[in-house]
Amino acid sequence: MGQRFLGSTVALAIVVAVVSFPVVASQAPAAKARAGAKTFRTPWGDPDLQGVWNDATSTPLQRPGEVGAKQVLNDEEAAEFQSALANNLTRDRRDGGPEVDVNRAYNDHWMDSRRLKITADKRTSLIVDPPDGHMPPLVPLTPERQKARADRAAAVARFNAGLPDGPEELSLPVRCVIRTDSPPYLPTIYNNDFQIFQSPGYVVINPEMIHSARIIPLDGRPHLSKNLHQWLGDTRGRFDGNTLVIETTNFRADEGVIFQGANAASFRITERFTRVAEDTINYEFTIEDPATWTKPWTAVIPWTKIDPAEQMYEYACHEDNYDIVHLLAGARARQQKGETK
């Protein structure tokens, strides 16, 4: 799809939608699944993760207050929880007035309907550690990071007012550089598919969103020099039993590359892919960044294999690449008329 990408939809998607440390009680289902998983093997003997998978769910990343401390719901509670989440997420609602309605943009026909269902295990959050289902407290920002965020907020305000100073002030999603194709992979409103390819010594993860592909070597080579930074980071992988473990560092520091603006110099994400059934992969990630959170945190998201007849199409993101000349020309015209930032 090539829909217009709005900041508000990104925020909604993040709401609805990690080197490993000892398993806590809330991680037991994922750990048990890894231990008891049926073996799926490639012709050359590696665990077989190939196929097209979908990670859509309405289960939120963090546990909402209305469910209290419950980590898992019973059938009746789960049905009510799913119904409430689906009502909040649908784009076919018409309450809230015209501004809210316009902000919903496209109706639900264009969205991934699978995002309206909670996970099959009826968890109340995708985060499994800390056990309260919430990200750990934030570390106070350094003066340098405070200034960087303030500068970015000012650029966003200029863009929203139709007065961007230059193309760099448009966000990375608006410029079609990067969106939700950077790890961690979290459920969003559409384009929740991922295709995994394998060959001896390599795994490739190709997200439906944007045009990226993570080519992951498995031969034990070291990470790139710390001076080399990439949009998707630098990823190295290995198999731990039936689980693909990949560790990624060396992200670029541009605003919008790393989840929640974490610190590129200290951000590390460890992802685990375990095929637990013919049609299911458990995707588990642990994020650690001592400059952003007080301790590491972990989430688990099920990936469901989609019908082989359903295929991914190229995501062509061009609208704001073509419109950038109009956006900047309009800004200069407004300034000539005396409009200020």
Protein backbone atom coordinates (compact mmCIF):
# COMPACT_ATOMS: atom_id res chain seq x y z
CA MET A 1 0.00 0.00 0.00
CA GLY A 2 1.10 3.56 -0.53
CA GLN A 3 -1.13 5.36 1.96
CA ARG A 4 -0.15 8.71 3.38
CA PHE A 5 1.75 8.16 6.60
CA LEU A 6 0.56 10.38 9.45
CA GLY A 7 2.38 10.89 12.74
CA SER A 8 -0.84 10.23 14.62
CA THR A 9 -1.20 6.80 13.02
CA VAL A 10 2.34 5.95 14.05
CA ALA A 11 1.53 6.86 17.64
CA LEU A 12 -1.59 4.70 17.57
CA ALA A 13 0.30 1.80 16.06
CA ILE A 14 2.96 1.96 18.74
CA VAL A 15 0.32 2.05 21.49
CA VAL A 16 -1.23 -1.14 20.13
CA ALA A 17 1.44 -2.94 19.55
CA VAL A 18 15.64 -7.01 23.95
CA VAL A 19 21.57 -10.72 25.02
CA SER A 20 18.78 -12.55 27.11
CA PHE A 21 18.61 -12.67 30.92
CA PRO A 22 16.99 -15.15 33.34
CA VAL A 23 13.42 -16.13 32.59
CA VAL A 24 10.85 -14.65 34.95
CA ALA A 25 7.42 -16.14 35.60
CA SER A 26 5.71 -14.07 32.92
CA GLN A 27 8.21 -15.31 30.33
CA ALA A 28 7.55 -18.96 31.08
CA PRO A 29 5.11 -19.55 28.16
CA ALA A 30 7.65 -18.30 25.62
CA ALA A 31 10.50 -20.25 27.20
CA LYS A 32 8.38 -23.40 27.40
CA ALA A 33 7.40 -23.03 23.77
CA ARG A 34 11.05 -22.78 22.75
CA ALA A 35 11.98 -25.85 24.74
CA GLY A 36 9.13 -28.02 23.44
CA ALA A 37 8.94 -26.80 19.87
CA LYS A 38 8.61 -29.27 17.03
CA THR A 39 11.71 -29.28 14.87
CA PHE A 40 11.40 -27.62 11.46
CA ARG A 41 14.59 -27.94 9.39
CA THR A 42 15.94 -26.61 6.12
CA PRO A 43 17.54 -29.09 3.67
CA TRP A 44 20.96 -28.06 5.06
CA GLY A 45 19.91 -28.62 8.68
CA ASP A 46 19.18 -25.16 10.10
CA PRO A 47 15.89 -24.40 11.89
CA ASP A 48 13.41 -23.47 9.14
CA LEU A 49 11.80 -20.06 9.59
CA GLN A 50 11.01 -19.43 5.94
CA GLY A 51 7.70 -18.07 4.72
CA VAL A 52 5.51 -14.99 4.94
CA TRP A 53 4.43 -14.13 8.48
CA ASN A 54 2.08 -11.56 10.02
CA ASP A 55 2.48 -9.98 13.48
CA ALA A 56 -0.79 -8.00 13.72
CA THR A 57 -2.54 -7.95 17.09
CA SER A 58 -4.55 -5.53 19.22
CA THR A 59 -2.78 -6.64 22.39
CA PRO A 60 -1.02 -3.44 23.48
CA LEU A 61 2.69 -3.17 24.05
CA GLN A 62 2.11 -2.02 27.64
CA ARG A 63 -0.59 -3.30 29.98
CA PRO A 64 -3.58 -0.91 30.19
CA GLY A 65 -4.73 0.16 33.63
CA GLU A 66 -8.25 -1.25 33.33
CA VAL A 67 -7.00 -4.87 33.54
CA GLY A 68 -5.09 -4.24 36.76
CA ALA A 69 -2.20 -6.61 37.42
CA LYS A 70 -3.59 -9.52 35.38
CA GLN A 71 -1.03 -10.95 32.99
CA VAL A 72 -3.44 -13.41 31.32
CA LEU A 73 -7.23 -13.21 31.02
CA ASN A 74 -9.87 -15.90 31.19
CA ASP A 75 -12.12 -16.50 28.17
CA GLU A 76 -14.85 -14.06 29.22
CA GLU A 77 -12.39 -11.32 30.18
CA ALA A 78 -10.45 -11.85 26.96
CA ALA A 79 -13.57 -11.48 24.81
CA GLU A 80 -14.46 -8.21 26.53
CA PHE A 81 -10.85 -6.96 26.29
CA GLN A 82 -10.67 -7.75 22.58
CA SER A 83 -14.01 -6.09 21.88
CA ALA A 84 -12.98 -2.89 23.67
CA LEU A 85 -9.62 -2.74 21.90
CA ALA A 86 -11.22 -3.37 18.51
CA ASN A 87 -13.71 -0.56 19.10
CA ASN A 88 -10.91 1.84 20.01
CA LEU A 89 -8.82 0.88 16.99
CA THR A 90 -11.41 0.76 14.22
CA ARG A 91 -11.24 3.49 11.59
CA ASP A 92 -14.95 3.14 10.84
CA ARG A 93 -16.07 5.01 13.97
CA ARG A 94 -17.63 8.42 13.46
CA ASP A 95 -17.63 9.76 17.00
CA GLY A 96 -15.42 12.56 18.31
CA GLY A 97 -16.19 15.29 15.82
CA PRO A 98 -14.78 16.22 12.41
CA GLU A 99 -11.15 16.72 13.48
CA VAL A 100 -10.98 13.29 15.09
CA ASP A 101 -12.71 11.79 12.06
CA VAL A 102 -10.22 13.35 9.64
CA ASN A 103 -7.36 12.18 11.83
CA ARG A 104 -8.54 8.60 11.38
CA ALA A 105 -7.84 9.08 7.67
CA TYR A 106 -8.56 5.93 5.67
CA ASN A 107 -11.38 3.65 6.80
CA ASP A 108 -10.90 0.09 7.98
CA HIS A 109 -11.07 -1.34 4.46
CA TRP A 110 -7.44 -0.29 4.03
CA MET A 111 -6.23 -1.59 7.39
CA ASP A 112 -5.07 -5.02 8.51
CA SER A 113 -8.16 -6.63 10.05
CA ARG A 114 -5.93 -9.08 11.98
CA ARG A 115 -4.81 -6.14 14.15
CA LEU A 116 -8.22 -6.20 15.89
CA LYS A 117 -7.58 -9.54 17.66
CA ILE A 118 -5.62 -10.11 20.84
CA THR A 119 -2.93 -12.78 21.10
CA ALA A 120 -4.17 -16.37 21.31
CA ASP A 121 -2.65 -16.79 24.79
CA LYS A 122 -4.87 -13.90 26.04
CA ARG A 123 -2.00 -11.85 27.48
CA THR A 124 -2.77 -8.28 28.50
CA SER A 125 0.51 -6.84 27.19
CA LEU A 126 3.19 -7.74 24.71
CA ILE A 127 5.80 -6.83 27.33
CA VAL A 128 6.53 -9.86 29.50
CA ASP A 129 9.39 -8.41 31.53
CA PRO A 130 9.10 -6.40 33.73
CA PRO A 131 6.18 -8.52 34.98
CA ASP A 132 3.98 -5.44 35.41
CA GLY A 133 3.80 -5.20 31.62
CA HIS A 134 5.36 -1.75 31.40
CA MET A 135 8.65 -0.40 30.13
CA PRO A 136 11.05 0.42 32.98
CA PRO A 137 11.38 4.03 34.15
CA LEU A 138 13.30 6.38 31.90
CA VAL A 139 16.75 7.71 32.69
CA PRO A 140 16.88 11.54 32.80
CA LEU A 141 18.05 12.96 29.48
CA THR A 142 21.44 14.60 29.24
CA PRO A 143 21.46 18.29 28.27
CA GLU A 144 22.64 17.29 24.78
CA ARG A 145 19.72 14.91 24.25
CA GLN A 146 17.28 17.45 25.67
CA LYS A 147 18.51 19.99 23.13
CA ALA A 148 18.29 17.48 20.28
CA ARG A 149 14.67 16.68 21.18
CA ALA A 150 13.80 20.35 21.52
CA ASP A 151 15.34 21.07 18.11
CA ARG A 152 13.37 18.22 16.57
CA ALA A 153 10.13 19.41 18.19
CA ALA A 154 10.72 22.89 16.77
CA ALA A 155 11.25 21.41 13.30
CA VAL A 156 8.00 19.46 13.59
CA ALA A 157 6.18 22.62 14.64
CA ARG A 158 7.55 24.46 11.60
CA PHE A 159 6.49 21.63 9.31
CA ASN A 160 2.98 21.53 10.80
CA ALA A 161 2.73 25.29 10.23
CA GLY A 162 3.72 24.86 6.59
CA LEU A 163 7.09 26.55 7.15
CA PRO A 164 9.85 23.92 7.07
CA ASP A 165 13.34 25.39 6.69
CA GLY A 166 14.53 22.55 4.45
CA PRO A 167 14.00 18.91 3.46
CA GLU A 168 15.87 17.65 6.54
CA GLU A 169 13.07 18.99 8.73
CA LEU A 170 10.60 16.53 7.27
CA SER A 171 10.53 13.36 9.36
CA LEU A 172 12.15 10.17 8.08
CA PRO A 173 8.74 8.48 7.52
CA VAL A 174 7.49 11.48 5.52
CA ARG A 175 10.66 11.29 3.41
CA CYS A 176 10.11 7.53 2.90
CA VAL A 177 13.52 6.74 4.39
CA ILE A 178 12.51 4.46 7.25
CA ARG A 179 9.29 3.62 9.06
CA THR A 180 8.41 0.47 10.99
CA ASP A 181 11.04 -1.61 9.18
CA SER A 182 13.60 -0.88 11.90
CA PRO A 183 13.63 -3.27 14.88
CA PRO A 184 11.86 -3.95 17.12
CA TYR A 185 9.06 -5.12 14.85
CA LEU A 186 5.78 -3.98 16.40
CA PRO A 187 2.20 -4.36 15.12
CA THR A 188 0.89 -1.40 13.19
CA ILE A 189 -2.26 -0.44 11.27
CA TYR A 190 -1.26 -2.13 8.02
CA ASN A 191 1.72 -3.79 6.30
CA ASN A 192 2.34 -6.25 9.14
CA ASP A 193 3.83 -8.95 6.90
CA PHE A 194 7.43 -10.18 6.93
CA GLN A 195 9.06 -12.62 4.55
CA ILE A 196 11.96 -14.70 5.82
CA PHE A 197 14.45 -16.24 3.39
CA GLN A 198 17.29 -18.58 4.32
CA SER A 199 20.40 -19.97 2.67
CA PRO A 200 23.42 -21.69 4.19
CA GLY A 201 25.10 -19.08 6.39
CA TYR A 202 22.49 -16.33 6.01
CA VAL A 203 18.97 -15.31 7.03
CA VAL A 204 17.11 -12.44 5.36
CA ILE A 205 14.13 -10.65 6.95
CA ASN A 206 12.15 -8.59 4.46
CA PRO A 207 9.42 -6.40 6.03
CA GLU A 208 6.42 -5.38 3.95
CA MET A 209 6.81 -1.78 5.10
CA ILE A 210 9.14 0.40 3.00
CA HIS A 211 11.94 -1.35 1.06
CA SER A 212 14.47 -2.69 3.56
CA ALA A 213 15.88 -6.16 3.99
CA ARG A 214 18.08 -7.25 6.87
CA ILE A 215 20.73 -9.62 5.52
CA ILE A 216 22.02 -11.44 8.59
CA PRO A 217 25.27 -13.46 8.50
CA LEU A 218 25.51 -16.52 10.75
CA ASP A 219 29.23 -17.21 10.46
CA GLY A 220 30.36 -15.56 13.69
CA ARG A 221 31.96 -12.50 12.09
CA PRO A 222 32.37 -9.49 14.41
CA HIS A 223 30.16 -6.41 14.29
CA LEU A 224 31.22 -3.47 12.18
CA SER A 225 33.44 -0.79 13.69
CA LYS A 226 31.57 1.40 16.16
CA ASN A 227 32.20 4.32 13.82
CA LEU A 228 30.00 2.82 11.09
CA HIS A 229 26.28 3.44 11.60
CA GLN A 230 23.36 2.13 9.52
CA TRP A 231 19.62 2.79 9.24
CA LEU A 232 18.78 -0.76 10.36
CA GLY A 233 21.84 -1.18 12.54
CA ASP A 234 24.46 -3.90 12.16
CA THR A 235 23.05 -7.38 12.78
CA ARG A 236 24.80 -10.67 13.54
CA GLY A 237 23.00 -13.99 14.05
CA ARG A 238 23.42 -17.49 15.41
CA PHE A 239 21.22 -20.48 16.16
CA ASP A 240 20.65 -21.48 19.78
CA GLY A 241 18.94 -24.84 19.45
CA ASN A 242 15.76 -24.17 17.45
CA THR A 243 15.95 -20.41 18.00
CA LEU A 244 17.50 -17.81 15.73
CA VAL A 245 19.20 -15.22 17.95
CA ILE A 246 20.19 -11.93 16.33
CA GLU A 247 21.93 -9.00 18.00
CA THR A 248 21.91 -5.52 16.48
CA THR A 249 23.96 -2.42 17.30
CA ASN A 250 25.47 0.50 15.33
CA PHE A 251 22.25 2.35 14.53
CA ARG A 252 22.29 5.83 13.06
CA ALA A 253 21.46 8.58 15.55
CA ASP A 254 18.90 10.34 13.33
CA GLU A 255 15.63 11.15 15.10
CA GLY A 256 13.11 8.40 14.30
CA VAL A 257 15.55 5.55 13.61
CA ILE A 258 15.56 3.96 17.07
CA PHE A 259 12.50 3.07 19.13
CA GLN A 260 11.32 5.98 21.27
CA GLY A 261 14.40 8.03 20.49
CA ALA A 262 16.76 5.82 22.48
CA ASN A 263 20.47 6.61 22.57
CA ALA A 264 22.21 5.22 19.47
CA ALA A 265 25.58 4.91 21.21
CA SER A 266 24.26 2.54 23.89
CA PHE A 267 21.18 0.95 22.25
CA ARG A 268 21.29 -2.82 21.70
CA ILE A 269 18.45 -5.12 20.69
CA THR A 270 18.49 -8.92 20.84
CA GLU A 271 15.75 -10.70 18.90
CA ARG A 272 14.78 -14.37 19.12
CA PHE A 273 12.76 -16.21 16.47
CA THR A 274 11.44 -19.63 17.50
CA ARG A 275 9.10 -21.63 15.29
CA VAL A 276 6.71 -23.26 17.76
CA ALA A 277 4.19 -24.67 15.26
CA GLU A 278 3.65 -25.10 11.53
CA ASP A 279 1.97 -21.69 11.42
CA THR A 280 3.54 -19.81 14.37
CA ILE A 281 6.83 -18.12 15.23
CA ASN A 282 7.38 -16.57 18.64
CA TYR A 283 9.19 -13.28 18.11
CA GLU A 284 10.85 -12.18 21.34
CA PHE A 285 12.99 -9.09 21.70
CA THR A 286 14.99 -7.61 24.54
CA ILE A 287 16.01 -3.95 24.48
CA GLU A 288 18.81 -2.62 26.61
CA ASP A 289 19.95 0.98 26.67
CA PRO A 290 21.25 2.20 30.04
CA ALA A 291 21.15 5.79 28.76
CA THR A 292 17.37 5.58 28.19
CA TRP A 293 15.81 2.94 30.48
CA THR A 294 16.81 1.94 34.00
CA LYS A 295 16.99 -1.73 33.01
CA PRO A 296 16.43 -3.99 29.99
CA TRP A 297 12.91 -5.02 28.99
CA THR A 298 11.43 -7.84 26.91
CA ALA A 299 8.34 -8.37 24.75
CA VAL A 300 6.93 -11.42 22.93
CA ILE A 301 4.79 -11.18 19.79
CA PRO A 302 3.38 -14.18 17.90
CA TRP A 303 3.92 -14.23 14.14
CA THR A 304 1.32 -16.18 12.17
CA LYS A 305 2.07 -17.79 8.82
CA ILE A 306 -0.27 -16.46 6.18
CA ASP A 307 -2.01 -18.34 3.40
CA PRO A 308 0.53 -19.28 0.71
CA ALA A 309 -1.83 -17.74 -1.84
CA GLU A 310 -1.38 -14.36 -0.15
CA GLN A 311 1.80 -12.61 -1.19
CA MET A 312 3.63 -9.41 -0.39
CA TYR A 313 3.69 -6.66 -2.97
CA GLU A 314 6.22 -3.88 -3.32
CA TYR A 315 5.61 -0.98 -0.95
CA ALA A 316 6.04 2.09 -3.14
CA CYS A 317 6.46 5.16 -0.94
CA HIS A 318 6.77 8.22 -3.14
CA GLU A 319 4.09 10.76 -2.27
CA ASP A 320 6.18 13.11 -0.18
CA ASN A 321 9.31 12.60 -2.24
CA TYR A 322 7.40 14.16 -5.14
CA ASP A 323 5.65 16.72 -2.95
CA ILE A 324 8.76 18.00 -1.22
CA VAL A 325 9.27 20.73 -3.84
CA HIS A 326 5.70 21.93 -3.22
CA LEU A 327 6.12 21.86 0.55
CA LEU A 328 9.31 23.90 0.42
CA ALA A 329 8.06 26.29 -2.26
CA GLY A 330 4.93 26.90 -0.20
CA ALA A 331 7.03 27.61 2.88
CA ARG A 332 9.13 30.19 1.04
CA ALA A 333 5.98 31.83 -0.37
CA ARG A 334 4.48 32.11 3.12
CA GLN A 335 7.66 33.66 4.44
CA GLN A 336 7.65 36.24 1.66
CA LYS A 337 4.11 37.17 2.69
CA GLY A 338 5.41 37.85 6.19
CA GLU A 339 4.31 34.64 7.90
CA THR A 340 6.72 33.66 10.66
CA LYS A 341 7.79 30.38 12.21
